[in-house]
Amino acid sequence: MIAAHQQLGGPIVLVWDNLNVHKAADLQKFAEARDWLTIYYLPPYAPDLNTSSSASGAAHGTSSTAANS
């Protein structure tokens, strides 16, 4: 992350799941010590954030408009 920050030259925002490694105390301390790093955690259960089923239908042309053409 430090190398990415140096290369990009700006703040980094991470959006992570709740994997125990992502919530480790050492990582929390690391993030708190760097004002350029912000971490957001996804909620433990959020099926409304899973858009893969609706997006895959559109990507494969299975919408009602495509089916009627």
Protein backbone atom coordinates (compact mmCIF):
# COMPACT_ATOMS: atom_id res chain seq x y z
CA MET A 1 0.00 0.00 0.00
CA ILE A 2 2.85 2.35 0.72
CA ALA A 3 4.33 1.76 -2.74
CA ALA A 4 0.93 2.33 -4.36
CA HIS A 5 0.49 5.56 -2.41
CA GLN A 6 3.94 6.79 -3.47
CA GLN A 7 3.34 5.87 -7.11
CA LEU A 8 -0.17 7.34 -7.27
CA GLY A 9 0.66 10.37 -5.18
CA GLY A 10 -2.74 10.58 -3.54
CA PRO A 11 -5.02 9.08 -0.95
CA ILE A 12 -6.07 5.43 -1.11
CA VAL A 13 -9.53 4.17 -0.20
CA LEU A 14 -9.98 0.44 0.36
CA VAL A 15 -13.35 -1.30 0.46
CA TRP A 16 -12.95 -4.67 2.09
CA ASP A 17 -15.07 -7.56 3.23
CA ASN A 18 -15.01 -8.70 6.84
CA LEU A 19 -12.30 -11.31 6.48
CA ASN A 20 -10.55 -11.61 9.83
CA VAL A 21 -7.19 -10.67 8.28
CA HIS A 22 -8.69 -7.36 7.10
CA LYS A 23 -9.84 -6.61 10.66
CA ALA A 24 -6.53 -7.51 12.35
CA ALA A 25 -5.28 -5.13 15.03
CA ASP A 26 -1.95 -4.61 13.25
CA LEU A 27 -3.72 -3.51 10.08
CA GLN A 28 -5.97 -1.17 12.05
CA LYS A 29 -2.89 0.45 13.64
CA PHE A 30 -1.21 0.69 10.23
CA ALA A 31 -4.23 2.47 8.73
CA GLU A 32 -4.69 4.81 11.70
CA ALA A 33 -1.08 5.96 11.39
CA ARG A 34 -1.56 7.01 7.74
CA ASP A 35 -3.84 9.92 6.97
CA TRP A 36 -3.78 9.01 3.27
CA LEU A 37 -5.37 5.59 3.87
CA THR A 38 -9.09 5.07 4.47
CA ILE A 39 -10.67 1.65 4.88
CA TYR A 40 -14.38 0.96 4.57
CA TYR A 41 -15.82 -2.44 5.38
CA LEU A 42 -18.73 -4.01 3.54
CA PRO A 43 -21.63 -5.07 5.75
CA PRO A 44 -21.52 -8.73 6.82
CA TYR A 45 -24.67 -9.54 4.84
CA ALA A 46 -25.80 -7.36 1.95
CA PRO A 47 -27.45 -9.27 -0.90
CA ASP A 48 -28.59 -5.97 -2.45
CA LEU A 49 -24.92 -5.19 -3.18
CA ASN A 50 -24.59 -8.34 -5.27
CA THR A 51 -25.45 -7.20 -8.78
CA SER A 52 -23.81 -10.09 -10.62
CA SER A 53 -27.10 -11.85 -11.42
CA SER A 54 -28.79 -8.78 -12.91
CA ALA A 55 -25.64 -7.60 -14.70
CA SER A 56 -24.96 -10.99 -16.27
CA GLY A 57 -28.39 -11.09 -17.90
CA ALA A 58 -27.86 -7.70 -19.50
CA ALA A 59 -24.35 -8.62 -20.61
CA HIS A 60 -25.62 -11.72 -22.39
CA GLY A 61 -28.47 -9.95 -24.15
CA THR A 62 -31.22 -11.67 -22.20
CA SER A 63 -33.20 -8.53 -21.41
CA SER A 64 -36.83 -8.39 -22.53
CA THR A 65 -35.92 -5.92 -25.28
CA ALA A 66 -33.25 -8.23 -26.71
CA ALA A 67 -35.57 -11.24 -26.48
CA ASN A 68 -38.29 -9.43 -28.45
CA SER A 69 -35.99 -8.34 -31.28
